[in-house]
Amino acid sequence: VQLQASGGGLVQPGGSLRLSCAASRIQYSMRSMAWYRQAPGKQRELVALIDDPGNTEYVQSVKGRFTISRDNTKNTVYLQMNSLRPEDTAVYFCNNLIRTLPWGQGTLVTVSS
């Protein structure tokens, strides 16, 4: 399985971005998928997760601003990010909940004026 994250870029504080994570194929270990991020000098952290029925959870810092969703017909997981803050600046990755899939290159999100 290959995971390809895309949709990052430079955005001003308060702006929005929509990230996509496309999988080359689907497999059982992808029933629960998550977005992670890694800021410079920091450990990679889980940001949001979604299971196969569509239940979601978020880290406190993004609750009310980020929305994770999935389209199983396209093997794709999305992250809608609104009201972006400079502290959201990071490389964003997707993986399953137990991080057993190969990490892709991620997509860089930079929030700056």
C-alpha atoms as a PDB file:
ATOM      1  CA  VAL A   1       0.000   0.000   0.000  1.00  0.00           C
ATOM      2  CA  GLN A   2       1.209   3.484  -0.851  1.00  0.00           C
ATOM      3  CA  LEU A   3      -0.231   6.616   0.767  1.00  0.00           C
ATOM      4  CA  GLN A   4      -0.054   9.899  -1.108  1.00  0.00           C
ATOM      5  CA  ALA A   5      -0.902  13.048   0.819  1.00  0.00           C
ATOM      6  CA  SER A   6      -1.590  16.276  -1.046  1.00  0.00           C
ATOM      7  CA  GLY A   7      -3.252  19.651  -0.703  1.00  0.00           C
ATOM      8  CA  GLY A   8      -0.798  21.483   1.508  1.00  0.00           C
ATOM      9  CA  GLY A   9       0.523  24.956   0.876  1.00  0.00           C
ATOM     10  CA  LEU A  10       1.048  28.415   2.269  1.00  0.00           C
ATOM     11  CA  VAL A  11      -2.003  30.032   3.836  1.00  0.00           C
ATOM     12  CA  GLN A  12      -2.576  33.079   5.987  1.00  0.00           C
ATOM     13  CA  PRO A  13      -3.837  32.741   9.559  1.00  0.00           C
ATOM     14  CA  GLY A  14      -7.579  32.205   9.522  1.00  0.00           C
ATOM     15  CA  GLY A  15      -7.468  30.545   6.129  1.00  0.00           C
ATOM     16  CA  SER A  16      -8.485  27.070   5.034  1.00  0.00           C
ATOM     17  CA  LEU A  17      -6.987  24.081   3.280  1.00  0.00           C
ATOM     18  CA  ARG A  18      -8.277  20.655   2.334  1.00  0.00           C
ATOM     19  CA  LEU A  19      -5.819  17.796   2.469  1.00  0.00           C
ATOM     20  CA  SER A  20      -6.283  14.491   0.663  1.00  0.00           C
ATOM     21  CA  CYS A  21      -4.675  11.127   1.290  1.00  0.00           C
ATOM     22  CA  ALA A  22      -5.075   8.581  -1.475  1.00  0.00           C
ATOM     23  CA  ALA A  23      -4.232   4.928  -0.933  1.00  0.00           C
ATOM     24  CA  SER A  24      -3.027   2.748  -3.781  1.00  0.00           C
ATOM     25  CA  ARG A  25      -5.354  -0.003  -2.605  1.00  0.00           C
ATOM     26  CA  ILE A  26      -7.564  -0.820   0.320  1.00  0.00           C
ATOM     27  CA  GLN A  27      -6.824  -3.393   2.957  1.00  0.00           C
ATOM     28  CA  TYR A  28      -8.239  -4.470   6.292  1.00  0.00           C
ATOM     29  CA  SER A  29      -5.717  -2.498   8.336  1.00  0.00           C
ATOM     30  CA  MET A  30      -7.143   0.706   6.889  1.00  0.00           C
ATOM     31  CA  ARG A  31     -10.484   0.434   8.629  1.00  0.00           C
ATOM     32  CA  SER A  32      -9.389   3.205  10.981  1.00  0.00           C
ATOM     33  CA  MET A  33      -7.370   5.965   9.361  1.00  0.00           C
ATOM     34  CA  ALA A  34      -5.790   9.043  10.819  1.00  0.00           C
ATOM     35  CA  TRP A  35      -4.039  12.263   9.986  1.00  0.00           C
ATOM     36  CA  TYR A  36      -0.794  13.031  11.765  1.00  0.00           C
ATOM     37  CA  ARG A  37       1.449  16.059  11.717  1.00  0.00           C
ATOM     38  CA  GLN A  38       5.039  16.797  12.550  1.00  0.00           C
ATOM     39  CA  ALA A  39       6.224  20.311  13.220  1.00  0.00           C
ATOM     40  CA  PRO A  40       9.931  21.188  13.040  1.00  0.00           C
ATOM     41  CA  GLY A  41      11.749  19.869  16.084  1.00  0.00           C
ATOM     42  CA  LYS A  42       8.684  18.086  17.426  1.00  0.00           C
ATOM     43  CA  GLN A  43       7.412  14.531  17.498  1.00  0.00           C
ATOM     44  CA  ARG A  44       4.773  13.358  15.087  1.00  0.00           C
ATOM     45  CA  GLU A  45       1.334  13.649  16.656  1.00  0.00           C
ATOM     46  CA  LEU A  46      -2.082  12.285  15.828  1.00  0.00           C
ATOM     47  CA  VAL A  47      -4.465  15.040  14.773  1.00  0.00           C
ATOM     48  CA  ALA A  48      -7.672  13.274  13.765  1.00  0.00           C
ATOM     49  CA  LEU A  49      -8.952   9.774  13.175  1.00  0.00           C
ATOM     50  CA  ILE A  50     -11.915   8.153  11.500  1.00  0.00           C
ATOM     51  CA  ASP A  51     -13.156   4.576  11.610  1.00  0.00           C
ATOM     52  CA  ASP A  52     -15.029   2.694   8.939  1.00  0.00           C
ATOM     53  CA  PRO A  53     -18.529   3.597  10.133  1.00  0.00           C
ATOM     54  CA  GLY A  54     -17.358   7.222  10.110  1.00  0.00           C
ATOM     55  CA  ASN A  55     -16.869   7.941  13.799  1.00  0.00           C
ATOM     56  CA  THR A  56     -14.290  10.659  14.341  1.00  0.00           C
ATOM     57  CA  GLU A  57     -12.001  11.931  17.074  1.00  0.00           C
ATOM     58  CA  TYR A  58      -9.724  14.944  17.223  1.00  0.00           C
ATOM     59  CA  VAL A  59      -6.875  16.229  19.289  1.00  0.00           C
ATOM     60  CA  GLN A  60      -8.115  19.080  21.490  1.00  0.00           C
ATOM     61  CA  SER A  61      -6.131  21.762  19.667  1.00  0.00           C
ATOM     62  CA  VAL A  62      -8.025  21.229  16.386  1.00  0.00           C
ATOM     63  CA  LYS A  63     -11.529  20.452  17.639  1.00  0.00           C
ATOM     64  CA  GLY A  64     -14.090  22.668  15.957  1.00  0.00           C
ATOM     65  CA  ARG A  65     -11.626  23.701  13.242  1.00  0.00           C
ATOM     66  CA  PHE A  66     -10.649  20.464  11.456  1.00  0.00           C
ATOM     67  CA  THR A  67     -12.917  17.828   9.950  1.00  0.00           C
ATOM     68  CA  ILE A  68     -11.772  14.381   8.866  1.00  0.00           C
ATOM     69  CA  SER A  69     -13.775  12.401   6.325  1.00  0.00           C
ATOM     70  CA  ARG A  70     -13.319   9.463   3.996  1.00  0.00           C
ATOM     71  CA  ASP A  71     -14.537   8.236   0.620  1.00  0.00           C
ATOM     72  CA  ASN A  72     -14.058   4.485   0.478  1.00  0.00           C
ATOM     73  CA  THR A  73     -15.015   4.397  -3.196  1.00  0.00           C
ATOM     74  CA  LYS A  74     -11.910   6.485  -3.902  1.00  0.00           C
ATOM     75  CA  ASN A  75      -9.656   4.973  -1.197  1.00  0.00           C
ATOM     76  CA  THR A  76      -9.187   8.532   0.058  1.00  0.00           C
ATOM     77  CA  VAL A  77      -9.221  10.264   3.423  1.00  0.00           C
ATOM     78  CA  TYR A  78      -9.627  14.027   3.697  1.00  0.00           C
ATOM     79  CA  LEU A  79      -8.822  16.679   6.267  1.00  0.00           C
ATOM     80  CA  GLN A  80     -10.670  19.969   5.992  1.00  0.00           C
ATOM     81  CA  MET A  81      -8.770  22.569   7.983  1.00  0.00           C
ATOM     82  CA  ASN A  82     -10.412  25.881   8.794  1.00  0.00           C
ATOM     83  CA  SER A  83      -9.358  28.827  10.953  1.00  0.00           C
ATOM     84  CA  LEU A  84      -5.749  27.835  10.547  1.00  0.00           C
ATOM     85  CA  ARG A  85      -3.198  29.107  13.047  1.00  0.00           C
ATOM     86  CA  PRO A  86       0.576  29.475  12.813  1.00  0.00           C
ATOM     87  CA  GLU A  87       0.915  26.579  15.257  1.00  0.00           C
ATOM     88  CA  ASP A  88      -0.753  24.312  12.690  1.00  0.00           C
ATOM     89  CA  THR A  89       2.349  24.633  10.536  1.00  0.00           C
ATOM     90  CA  ALA A  90       3.710  21.120  10.000  1.00  0.00           C
ATOM     91  CA  VAL A  91       4.114  18.304   7.540  1.00  0.00           C
ATOM     92  CA  TYR A  92       0.870  16.335   7.501  1.00  0.00           C
ATOM     93  CA  PHE A  93       0.765  12.583   6.963  1.00  0.00           C
ATOM     94  CA  CYS A  94      -1.885   9.915   6.933  1.00  0.00           C
ATOM     95  CA  ASN A  95      -1.654   6.370   8.234  1.00  0.00           C
ATOM     96  CA  ASN A  96      -3.777   3.875  10.047  1.00  0.00           C
ATOM     97  CA  LEU A  97      -4.368   4.128  13.782  1.00  0.00           C
ATOM     98  CA  ILE A  98      -1.487   1.827  14.686  1.00  0.00           C
ATOM     99  CA  ARG A  99       0.913   3.356  12.156  1.00  0.00           C
ATOM    100  CA  THR A 100       1.706   0.125  10.363  1.00  0.00           C
ATOM    101  CA  LEU A 101       1.443   1.392   6.804  1.00  0.00           C
ATOM    102  CA  PRO A 102       4.445   2.879   4.991  1.00  0.00           C
ATOM    103  CA  TRP A 103       4.632   6.602   5.636  1.00  0.00           C
ATOM    104  CA  GLY A 104       4.382   8.712   2.519  1.00  0.00           C
ATOM    105  CA  GLN A 105       6.204  11.997   2.035  1.00  0.00           C
ATOM    106  CA  GLY A 106       3.423  13.984   3.628  1.00  0.00           C
ATOM    107  CA  THR A 107       2.269  17.418   2.586  1.00  0.00           C
ATOM    108  CA  LEU A 108       3.608  20.660   4.031  1.00  0.00           C
ATOM    109  CA  VAL A 109       1.187  23.153   5.539  1.00  0.00           C
ATOM    110  CA  THR A 110       2.584  26.583   6.337  1.00  0.00           C
ATOM    111  CA  VAL A 111       0.409  29.106   8.130  1.00  0.00           C
ATOM    112  CA  SER A 112       1.988  32.513   8.033  1.00  0.00           C
ATOM    113  CA  SER A 113       1.198  36.095   7.206  1.00  0.00           C
END
